[in-house]
Protein backbone atom coordinates (compact mmCIF):
# COMPACT_ATOMS: atom_id res chain seq x y z
CA UNK A 1 20.61 75.19 46.16
CA UNK A 2 20.51 71.62 44.94
CA UNK A 3 23.75 70.86 46.85
CA UNK A 4 22.02 72.18 50.01
CA UNK A 5 18.98 70.11 49.56
CA UNK A 6 21.00 67.06 48.90
CA UNK A 7 23.09 67.82 52.05
CA UNK A 8 20.06 68.98 54.26
CA UNK A 9 20.41 66.21 56.82
CA UNK A 10 24.10 67.10 57.44
CA UNK A 11 23.40 70.80 57.33
CA UNK A 12 20.70 70.17 60.24
CA UNK A 13 23.11 67.98 62.22
CA UNK A 14 25.79 70.41 62.16
CA UNK A 15 23.55 73.32 62.85
CA UNK A 16 22.41 71.30 66.11
CA UNK A 17 25.95 70.93 67.05
CA UNK A 18 26.81 74.52 66.40
CA UNK A 19 23.77 75.55 68.48
CA UNK A 20 24.83 73.43 71.38
CA UNK A 21 28.34 74.71 71.36
CA UNK A 22 27.19 78.41 71.02
CA UNK A 23 24.04 78.23 73.33
CA UNK A 24 25.30 76.31 76.27
CA UNK A 25 28.09 78.82 76.84
CA UNK A 26 25.69 81.58 76.66
CA UNK A 27 23.65 80.15 79.75
CA UNK A 28 26.74 79.28 81.56
CA UNK A 29 28.37 82.68 80.90
CA UNK A 30 25.31 84.61 82.07
CA UNK A 31 25.27 82.38 85.36
CA UNK A 32 28.86 83.51 86.03
CA UNK A 33 28.35 87.07 84.80
CA UNK A 34 25.46 87.74 87.01
CA UNK A 35 27.34 87.74 90.29
CA UNK A 36 30.38 89.32 88.90
CA UNK A 37 28.21 92.06 87.44
CA UNK A 38 26.55 92.42 90.64
CA UNK A 39 29.70 92.91 92.56
CA UNK A 40 30.99 95.43 89.91
CA UNK A 41 27.74 97.42 90.17
CA UNK A 42 28.14 97.62 94.10
CA UNK A 43 31.77 98.38 94.61
CA UNK A 44 33.37 101.00 92.63
CA UNK A 45 36.92 99.95 93.30
CA UNK A 46 36.11 96.42 92.35
CA UNK A 47 34.29 97.57 89.29
CA UNK A 48 37.36 98.74 87.36
CA UNK A 49 39.42 95.64 88.09
CA UNK A 50 36.72 93.22 87.27
CA UNK A 51 35.67 94.72 83.96
CA UNK A 52 39.24 95.21 82.99
CA UNK A 53 40.12 91.60 83.65
CA UNK A 54 37.06 90.28 82.15
CA UNK A 55 37.37 92.61 79.16
CA UNK A 56 40.99 91.40 78.70
CA UNK A 57 39.73 87.59 78.29
CA UNK A 58 37.95 88.55 75.05
CA UNK A 59 41.21 89.61 73.54
CA UNK A 60 42.52 85.92 73.68
CA UNK A 61 42.47 84.66 70.10
CA UNK A 62 39.91 81.96 69.91
CA UNK A 63 42.16 79.32 67.86
CA UNK A 64 44.92 79.85 70.36
CA UNK A 65 42.41 79.22 73.27
CA UNK A 66 41.01 76.23 71.66
CA UNK A 67 44.47 74.68 71.29
CA UNK A 68 45.66 75.60 74.74
CA UNK A 69 42.72 74.47 76.69
CA UNK A 70 43.22 70.61 76.26
CA UNK A 71 46.51 70.99 78.10
CA UNK A 72 44.83 73.06 80.86
CA UNK A 73 41.79 70.84 81.23
CA UNK A 74 43.37 67.49 80.44
CA UNK A 75 40.98 67.06 77.45
CA UNK A 76 41.53 65.79 73.88
CA UNK A 77 41.82 68.39 71.23
CA UNK A 78 38.67 67.29 69.62
CA UNK A 79 36.67 67.34 72.77
CA UNK A 80 33.78 69.78 72.54
CA UNK A 81 34.25 70.61 76.16
CA UNK A 82 37.19 72.95 75.04
CA UNK A 83 34.93 74.94 72.77
CA UNK A 84 32.28 75.19 75.57
CA UNK A 85 34.83 76.44 78.04
CA UNK A 86 36.47 78.89 75.71
CA UNK A 87 32.90 80.32 74.59
CA UNK A 88 31.97 80.57 78.19
CA UNK A 89 34.95 82.65 78.87
CA UNK A 90 34.18 84.91 75.96
CA UNK A 91 30.59 85.18 77.12
CA UNK A 92 31.55 86.13 80.56
CA UNK A 93 33.96 88.75 79.14
CA UNK A 94 31.10 90.30 77.29
CA UNK A 95 28.33 89.93 79.78
CA UNK A 96 29.95 91.09 82.94
CA UNK A 97 29.96 94.78 82.01
CA UNK A 98 26.42 94.55 80.55
CA UNK A 99 25.13 93.12 83.88
CA UNK A 100 27.07 95.77 85.72
CA UNK A 101 25.66 98.39 83.54
CA UNK A 102 22.06 96.98 83.68
CA UNK A 103 22.05 96.76 87.50
CA UNK A 104 23.67 100.24 87.77
CA UNK A 105 20.77 101.69 85.46
CA UNK A 106 18.06 100.87 88.12
CA UNK A 107 16.67 104.22 89.41
CA UNK A 108 17.92 104.74 92.90
CA UNK A 109 14.36 105.89 93.98
CA UNK A 110 13.17 102.55 92.95
CA UNK A 111 15.79 100.79 95.16
CA UNK A 112 14.81 102.98 97.94
CA UNK A 113 11.16 102.30 97.50
CA UNK A 114 11.92 98.49 97.55
CA UNK A 115 13.94 98.92 100.81
CA UNK A 116 11.10 100.82 102.43
CA UNK A 117 8.81 97.94 101.51
CA UNK A 118 11.08 95.70 103.47
CA UNK A 119 13.19 94.27 100.49
CA UNK A 120 16.74 93.83 101.30
CA UNK A 121 19.99 92.27 99.94
CA UNK A 122 19.21 89.14 97.62
CA UNK A 123 15.57 89.66 97.85
CA UNK A 124 15.87 93.20 96.29
CA UNK A 125 18.16 91.92 93.68
CA UNK A 126 15.91 89.06 92.64
CA UNK A 127 12.61 90.97 92.88
CA UNK A 128 13.69 94.41 91.95
CA UNK A 129 17.01 95.15 90.45
CA UNK A 130 17.41 92.13 88.19
CA UNK A 131 14.04 92.41 86.62
CA UNK A 132 14.55 96.06 85.81
CA UNK A 133 18.04 95.28 84.36
CA UNK A 134 16.58 92.44 82.03
CA UNK A 135 16.22 94.80 79.00
CA UNK A 136 20.02 95.85 79.16
CA UNK A 137 21.17 92.39 80.03
CA UNK A 138 19.14 90.92 77.08
CA UNK A 139 20.80 93.55 74.77
CA UNK A 140 24.13 92.29 75.91
CA UNK A 141 23.03 88.60 75.41
CA UNK A 142 22.03 89.24 71.82
CA UNK A 143 25.50 90.62 71.18
CA UNK A 144 27.10 87.54 72.94
CA UNK A 145 24.91 85.14 71.03
CA UNK A 146 25.88 86.43 67.62
CA UNK A 147 29.50 86.54 68.71
CA UNK A 148 29.29 82.92 69.82
CA UNK A 149 27.74 81.75 66.76
CA UNK A 150 30.62 83.49 64.77
CA UNK A 151 33.42 82.25 67.03
CA UNK A 152 32.46 78.63 67.25
CA UNK A 153 32.78 78.28 63.54
CA UNK A 154 36.53 78.77 64.08
CA UNK A 155 36.57 75.47 65.94
CA UNK A 156 36.31 73.77 62.54
CA UNK A 157 39.90 74.44 62.12
CA UNK A 158 40.78 71.99 64.78
CA UNK A 159 38.29 69.28 63.56
CA UNK A 160 35.24 70.24 65.76
CA UNK A 161 31.91 69.36 64.03
CA UNK A 162 29.75 72.14 63.40
CA UNK A 163 28.61 74.68 60.66
CA UNK A 164 32.14 76.04 60.43
CA UNK A 165 32.96 72.73 58.62
CA UNK A 166 31.23 73.90 55.41
CA UNK A 167 33.45 76.98 55.39
CA UNK A 168 36.64 75.09 55.74
CA UNK A 169 35.72 72.17 53.56
CA UNK A 170 34.36 74.45 50.92
CA UNK A 171 37.46 76.57 50.87
CA UNK A 172 39.75 73.50 50.78
CA UNK A 173 37.71 72.20 47.58
CA UNK A 174 37.31 75.50 46.06
CA UNK A 175 33.66 75.11 46.18
CA UNK A 176 31.94 78.43 46.98
CA UNK A 177 28.46 76.85 47.17
CA UNK A 178 29.40 74.94 50.32
CA UNK A 179 30.98 78.04 51.82
CA UNK A 180 27.95 80.15 51.22
CA UNK A 181 25.77 77.41 52.73
CA UNK A 182 27.82 77.64 55.72
CA UNK A 183 27.61 81.38 56.00
CA UNK A 184 23.88 81.48 55.35
CA UNK A 185 23.36 78.60 58.01
CA UNK A 186 25.42 80.64 60.49
CA UNK A 187 23.40 83.80 59.93
CA UNK A 188 20.07 81.94 60.19
CA UNK A 189 21.22 80.26 63.53
CA UNK A 190 22.32 83.67 64.99
CA UNK A 191 18.88 85.13 63.97
CA UNK A 192 17.13 82.32 65.76
CA UNK A 193 19.19 83.01 68.93
CA UNK A 194 18.38 86.77 68.68
CA UNK A 195 14.69 85.99 68.20
CA UNK A 196 14.64 83.61 71.25
CA UNK A 197 16.38 86.09 73.40
CA UNK A 198 13.97 88.82 72.38
CA UNK A 199 10.90 86.69 73.13
CA UNK A 200 12.28 85.69 76.53
CA UNK A 201 13.07 89.26 77.44
CA UNK A 202 9.68 90.42 76.54
CA UNK A 203 8.12 87.60 78.50
CA UNK A 204 10.29 88.56 81.66
CA UNK A 205 9.43 92.22 81.28
CA UNK A 206 5.54 92.50 80.58
CA UNK A 207 5.51 95.96 82.11
CA UNK A 208 7.56 97.30 79.12
CA UNK A 209 4.58 96.39 76.77
CA UNK A 210 2.16 97.98 79.04
CA UNK A 211 4.18 101.20 78.89
CA UNK A 212 4.54 101.08 75.19
CA UNK A 213 0.74 100.57 74.94
C-alpha cells in the first residue's frame, strides 16, 4: 500500500496511457465492425466468410503482432500506433460477429413496420435496426473492452509505457507488490470501461428502462 501511494503519480500516468491504448481501438474497432456486421447480417453467403476471417484475426498472438506491425506500417517498434492498430484488429475480430448478431436479432415485424412507415435502407438502419441492436452490441463491447485492457499490458514486453510495466518490472525485480499494483490497476481500469459502456448503453436505449419499470 505504501509503495502504491509513493508511486501514485506514475500509476495514474500509466493508467491514462493504458486507457488510451485500450479505449481508442475500441472506438475505431466499433466504427469498422458496424458496416462489416451489417453486411454479414444482410448476406448469408458473405456472413460465413466475413465472420470466419475476422474471427481468425483474433488468433494472431498479440506479441507477434506488436513486433510485426512496425515492418508493415513503417513505424518504430516503440511507436504506440502499433499497439493501437493491433488492438483495433482484435476489436474488429470480436465485434463484427456481435454487430451481425445484434442486427439479426431485430424482430422482422419491426423492420416491416419501419418499411411501411417509409424507412428504407440507411434510414431504417440508423433509426430502427441499430438502436434495437445496441444492447447486444454493448454486451460485445464490454467483452472487447476487458480483452483490450488485458492484451495491451502485453505491450510492456516491447517497452510500450502503460500499466503492464508494473507487471514486467515487478517480475524482473522479484517484487510482488508492484505486480499486484499492476494487476489491480488493470482490473479497476477494466471496471471503469465496463461501467462507461453500461451507462452509454442505457442512455441510448431509454425504452429498456420503461419496459423494466
